[in-house]
Amino acid sequence: MPVAKLVEFLNANNIKFVSIRHSKAYTANEIAHSAHIHGQELAKTVVIRVNGKMALAVLPASGRVHPDMLKEAIGAETVSVCNEREFLDKFPGCELGAMPPFGNLYGMDVYVSTALTEDKEIAFNAGTLTELIRLSYKDFEDLVKPKIVRF
């Protein structure tokens, strides 16, 4: 079942979404394959640190975060990718590595790749390693208000 905090937030905002169950998978590419979703449409969430503060980078499953490119794109002094130990307790109710890209629910800024804005829909981990949520990209953008960046 998707993380309750996310489902409550989507329902409270009258957002239409679909929950997709799939076999347990750990990497974004495995999830895309298991759920039969094109890798460009599946978003992965990477926890980063921008100028010492945790944030989320959201990009296509097939992509990689390039800290130097992101640093330049957002005008930050420092950007680094966090390791799992750094965010173990930051996403209550979520399985490790399955956090949804809703930084606003966790007090974090969100940086989304311009590549994801080109699709009508976005799919992402729903807080578990066996379930995704798919909704319109416009609804995602309206709710999260991410900073759109080419990285």
C-alpha atoms as a PDB file:
ATOM      1  CA  MET A   1       0.000   0.000   0.000  1.00  0.00           C
ATOM      2  CA  PRO A   2       1.338   3.459  -0.863  1.00  0.00           C
ATOM      3  CA  VAL A   3       2.565   5.594   2.009  1.00  0.00           C
ATOM      4  CA  ALA A   4      -0.524   6.958   3.792  1.00  0.00           C
ATOM      5  CA  LYS A   5       0.798  10.529   3.995  1.00  0.00           C
ATOM      6  CA  LEU A   6       1.019  10.728   0.197  1.00  0.00           C
ATOM      7  CA  VAL A   7      -2.391   9.165  -0.462  1.00  0.00           C
ATOM      8  CA  GLU A   8      -4.038  11.491   2.072  1.00  0.00           C
ATOM      9  CA  PHE A   9      -2.364  14.484   0.431  1.00  0.00           C
ATOM     10  CA  LEU A  10      -3.476  13.460  -3.067  1.00  0.00           C
ATOM     11  CA  ASN A  11      -7.031  12.746  -1.915  1.00  0.00           C
ATOM     12  CA  ALA A  12      -7.238  16.029   0.026  1.00  0.00           C
ATOM     13  CA  ASN A  13      -6.321  17.851  -3.192  1.00  0.00           C
ATOM     14  CA  ASN A  14      -8.805  15.851  -5.312  1.00  0.00           C
ATOM     15  CA  ILE A  15      -6.026  14.427  -7.486  1.00  0.00           C
ATOM     16  CA  LYS A  16      -6.821  11.494  -9.733  1.00  0.00           C
ATOM     17  CA  PHE A  17      -4.101   8.855  -9.577  1.00  0.00           C
ATOM     18  CA  VAL A  18      -3.533   5.183 -10.252  1.00  0.00           C
ATOM     19  CA  SER A  19      -1.670   2.816  -7.985  1.00  0.00           C
ATOM     20  CA  ILE A  20       0.367   0.163  -9.825  1.00  0.00           C
ATOM     21  CA  ARG A  21       1.598  -2.949  -8.033  1.00  0.00           C
ATOM     22  CA  HIS A  22       4.673  -4.733  -9.355  1.00  0.00           C
ATOM     23  CA  SER A  23       7.109  -7.380  -8.198  1.00  0.00           C
ATOM     24  CA  LYS A  24       9.741  -6.214  -5.728  1.00  0.00           C
ATOM     25  CA  ALA A  25      12.431  -4.194  -7.469  1.00  0.00           C
ATOM     26  CA  TYR A  26      15.245  -2.039  -6.160  1.00  0.00           C
ATOM     27  CA  THR A  27      16.503   0.068  -9.046  1.00  0.00           C
ATOM     28  CA  ALA A  28      14.477   2.479 -11.131  1.00  0.00           C
ATOM     29  CA  ASN A  29      15.249   0.528 -14.303  1.00  0.00           C
ATOM     30  CA  GLU A  30      14.119  -2.756 -12.678  1.00  0.00           C
ATOM     31  CA  ILE A  31      10.901  -1.072 -11.548  1.00  0.00           C
ATOM     32  CA  ALA A  32      10.201   0.339 -15.017  1.00  0.00           C
ATOM     33  CA  HIS A  33      10.697  -3.108 -16.536  1.00  0.00           C
ATOM     34  CA  SER A  34       8.600  -4.872 -13.897  1.00  0.00           C
ATOM     35  CA  ALA A  35       5.739  -2.367 -14.159  1.00  0.00           C
ATOM     36  CA  HIS A  36       5.922  -2.151 -17.975  1.00  0.00           C
ATOM     37  CA  ILE A  37       6.532   1.596 -17.908  1.00  0.00           C
ATOM     38  CA  HIS A  38       8.904   3.382 -20.264  1.00  0.00           C
ATOM     39  CA  GLY A  39      12.024   4.474 -18.368  1.00  0.00           C
ATOM     40  CA  GLN A  40      11.521   8.085 -19.476  1.00  0.00           C
ATOM     41  CA  GLU A  41       8.069   8.174 -17.865  1.00  0.00           C
ATOM     42  CA  LEU A  42       9.166   6.651 -14.546  1.00  0.00           C
ATOM     43  CA  ALA A  43      10.676   9.204 -12.203  1.00  0.00           C
ATOM     44  CA  LYS A  44      13.288   8.283  -9.654  1.00  0.00           C
ATOM     45  CA  THR A  45      13.890  10.299  -6.547  1.00  0.00           C
ATOM     46  CA  VAL A  46      17.452  10.926  -5.417  1.00  0.00           C
ATOM     47  CA  VAL A  47      18.223  12.574  -2.098  1.00  0.00           C
ATOM     48  CA  ILE A  48      20.799  15.316  -2.520  1.00  0.00           C
ATOM     49  CA  ARG A  49      22.351  17.980  -0.352  1.00  0.00           C
ATOM     50  CA  VAL A  50      22.304  21.553  -1.705  1.00  0.00           C
ATOM     51  CA  ASN A  51      24.415  24.024   0.234  1.00  0.00           C
ATOM     52  CA  GLY A  52      24.207  21.702   3.251  1.00  0.00           C
ATOM     53  CA  LYS A  53      20.412  21.233   3.140  1.00  0.00           C
ATOM     54  CA  MET A  54      18.708  18.004   2.019  1.00  0.00           C
ATOM     55  CA  ALA A  55      16.588  18.212  -1.109  1.00  0.00           C
ATOM     56  CA  LEU A  56      15.223  15.869  -3.778  1.00  0.00           C
ATOM     57  CA  ALA A  57      16.358  15.511  -7.371  1.00  0.00           C
ATOM     58  CA  VAL A  58      13.673  13.933  -9.567  1.00  0.00           C
ATOM     59  CA  LEU A  59      14.715  12.592 -12.945  1.00  0.00           C
ATOM     60  CA  PRO A  60      13.891   9.848 -15.452  1.00  0.00           C
ATOM     61  CA  ALA A  61      14.676   6.302 -14.292  1.00  0.00           C
ATOM     62  CA  SER A  62      17.385   6.019 -16.922  1.00  0.00           C
ATOM     63  CA  GLY A  63      19.106   9.247 -15.847  1.00  0.00           C
ATOM     64  CA  ARG A  64      21.868  10.090 -13.384  1.00  0.00           C
ATOM     65  CA  VAL A  65      22.372  13.047 -11.091  1.00  0.00           C
ATOM     66  CA  HIS A  66      25.490  14.972 -12.071  1.00  0.00           C
ATOM     67  CA  PRO A  67      26.208  17.137  -9.006  1.00  0.00           C
ATOM     68  CA  ASP A  68      28.438  19.615 -10.861  1.00  0.00           C
ATOM     69  CA  MET A  69      25.853  20.123 -13.607  1.00  0.00           C
ATOM     70  CA  LEU A  70      23.059  20.538 -11.056  1.00  0.00           C
ATOM     71  CA  LYS A  71      25.197  22.912  -8.976  1.00  0.00           C
ATOM     72  CA  GLU A  72      25.755  25.127 -11.999  1.00  0.00           C
ATOM     73  CA  ALA A  73      22.121  24.945 -13.127  1.00  0.00           C
ATOM     74  CA  ILE A  74      20.724  26.118  -9.784  1.00  0.00           C
ATOM     75  CA  GLY A  75      23.557  28.441  -8.824  1.00  0.00           C
ATOM     76  CA  ALA A  76      24.453  26.540  -5.647  1.00  0.00           C
ATOM     77  CA  GLU A  77      27.799  26.551  -3.925  1.00  0.00           C
ATOM     78  CA  THR A  78      27.708  22.803  -3.249  1.00  0.00           C
ATOM     79  CA  VAL A  79      25.630  19.846  -4.413  1.00  0.00           C
ATOM     80  CA  SER A  80      26.235  16.230  -3.442  1.00  0.00           C
ATOM     81  CA  VAL A  81      24.302  12.968  -3.549  1.00  0.00           C
ATOM     82  CA  CYS A  82      23.409  11.672  -0.075  1.00  0.00           C
ATOM     83  CA  ASN A  83      24.057   8.109   0.987  1.00  0.00           C
ATOM     84  CA  GLU A  84      21.235   6.091   2.539  1.00  0.00           C
ATOM     85  CA  ARG A  85      22.562   6.474   6.098  1.00  0.00           C
ATOM     86  CA  GLU A  86      22.056  10.225   5.830  1.00  0.00           C
ATOM     87  CA  PHE A  87      18.292   9.977   5.211  1.00  0.00           C
ATOM     88  CA  LEU A  88      17.224   6.792   7.009  1.00  0.00           C
ATOM     89  CA  ASP A  89      14.747   8.639   9.239  1.00  0.00           C
ATOM     90  CA  LYS A  90      13.701  11.439   6.862  1.00  0.00           C
ATOM     91  CA  PHE A  91      10.845   9.586   5.117  1.00  0.00           C
ATOM     92  CA  PRO A  92       8.613   8.007   7.787  1.00  0.00           C
ATOM     93  CA  GLY A  93       6.389   5.232   6.466  1.00  0.00           C
ATOM     94  CA  CYS A  94       8.556   4.712   3.364  1.00  0.00           C
ATOM     95  CA  GLU A  95      10.793   1.787   2.594  1.00  0.00           C
ATOM     96  CA  LEU A  96      14.415   2.767   2.104  1.00  0.00           C
ATOM     97  CA  GLY A  97      14.954   3.860  -1.491  1.00  0.00           C
ATOM     98  CA  ALA A  98      11.231   4.109  -2.283  1.00  0.00           C
ATOM     99  CA  MET A  99      10.512   7.691  -1.264  1.00  0.00           C
ATOM    100  CA  PRO A 100       8.064   9.606  -3.446  1.00  0.00           C
ATOM    101  CA  PRO A 101       9.160  12.856  -5.123  1.00  0.00           C
ATOM    102  CA  PHE A 102       6.972  14.989  -2.860  1.00  0.00           C
ATOM    103  CA  GLY A 103       9.607  16.938  -0.965  1.00  0.00           C
ATOM    104  CA  ASN A 104       6.916  19.356   0.193  1.00  0.00           C
ATOM    105  CA  LEU A 105       5.609  16.570   2.468  1.00  0.00           C
ATOM    106  CA  TYR A 106       9.041  16.212   4.068  1.00  0.00           C
ATOM    107  CA  GLY A 107      10.221  19.832   4.231  1.00  0.00           C
ATOM    108  CA  MET A 108      12.585  19.516   1.256  1.00  0.00           C
ATOM    109  CA  ASP A 109      13.045  21.453  -1.968  1.00  0.00           C
ATOM    110  CA  VAL A 110      12.492  19.501  -5.173  1.00  0.00           C
ATOM    111  CA  TYR A 111      14.497  19.866  -8.388  1.00  0.00           C
ATOM    112  CA  VAL A 112      12.878  18.124 -11.349  1.00  0.00           C
ATOM    113  CA  SER A 113      14.574  17.359 -14.644  1.00  0.00           C
ATOM    114  CA  THR A 114      13.193  19.163 -17.671  1.00  0.00           C
ATOM    115  CA  ALA A 115      12.992  15.736 -19.350  1.00  0.00           C
ATOM    116  CA  LEU A 116      10.058  14.772 -17.085  1.00  0.00           C
ATOM    117  CA  THR A 117       8.082  17.883 -17.992  1.00  0.00           C
ATOM    118  CA  GLU A 118       7.741  16.628 -21.566  1.00  0.00           C
ATOM    119  CA  ASP A 119       5.385  13.783 -20.574  1.00  0.00           C
ATOM    120  CA  LYS A 120       1.690  14.086 -19.780  1.00  0.00           C
ATOM    121  CA  GLU A 121       2.043  11.661 -16.868  1.00  0.00           C
ATOM    122  CA  ILE A 122       4.588  10.840 -14.211  1.00  0.00           C
ATOM    123  CA  ALA A 123       4.973   7.572 -12.309  1.00  0.00           C
ATOM    124  CA  PHE A 124       7.063   7.172  -9.173  1.00  0.00           C
ATOM    125  CA  ASN A 125       7.658   5.017  -6.102  1.00  0.00           C
ATOM    126  CA  ALA A 126       4.766   5.237  -3.693  1.00  0.00           C
ATOM    127  CA  GLY A 127       6.820   4.626  -0.565  1.00  0.00           C
ATOM    128  CA  THR A 128       7.235   0.890  -1.142  1.00  0.00           C
ATOM    129  CA  LEU A 129       9.421  -1.285  -3.333  1.00  0.00           C
ATOM    130  CA  THR A 130       6.321  -2.918  -4.838  1.00  0.00           C
ATOM    131  CA  GLU A 131       4.036  -0.039  -5.755  1.00  0.00           C
ATOM    132  CA  LEU A 132       4.024   3.019  -7.989  1.00  0.00           C
ATOM    133  CA  ILE A 133       1.684   5.935  -8.329  1.00  0.00           C
ATOM    134  CA  ARG A 134       0.905   7.472 -11.711  1.00  0.00           C
ATOM    135  CA  LEU A 135      -0.742  10.857 -12.113  1.00  0.00           C
ATOM    136  CA  SER A 136      -0.695  13.782 -14.495  1.00  0.00           C
ATOM    137  CA  TYR A 137       2.570  15.685 -14.586  1.00  0.00           C
ATOM    138  CA  LYS A 138       0.613  18.952 -14.327  1.00  0.00           C
ATOM    139  CA  ASP A 139      -0.978  17.810 -11.052  1.00  0.00           C
ATOM    140  CA  PHE A 140       2.458  16.818  -9.727  1.00  0.00           C
ATOM    141  CA  GLU A 141       3.899  20.214 -10.653  1.00  0.00           C
ATOM    142  CA  ASP A 142       0.938  22.107  -9.180  1.00  0.00           C
ATOM    143  CA  LEU A 143       1.219  20.247  -5.863  1.00  0.00           C
ATOM    144  CA  VAL A 144       4.987  20.066  -5.442  1.00  0.00           C
ATOM    145  CA  LYS A 145       6.027  23.319  -7.151  1.00  0.00           C
ATOM    146  CA  PRO A 146       9.449  21.925  -8.056  1.00  0.00           C
ATOM    147  CA  LYS A 147      12.272  23.940  -9.504  1.00  0.00           C
ATOM    148  CA  ILE A 148      12.583  22.750 -13.102  1.00  0.00           C
ATOM    149  CA  VAL A 149      16.209  22.293 -14.076  1.00  0.00           C
ATOM    150  CA  ARG A 150      18.215  20.738 -16.903  1.00  0.00           C
ATOM    151  CA  PHE A 151      20.581  18.257 -15.250  1.00  0.00           C
END
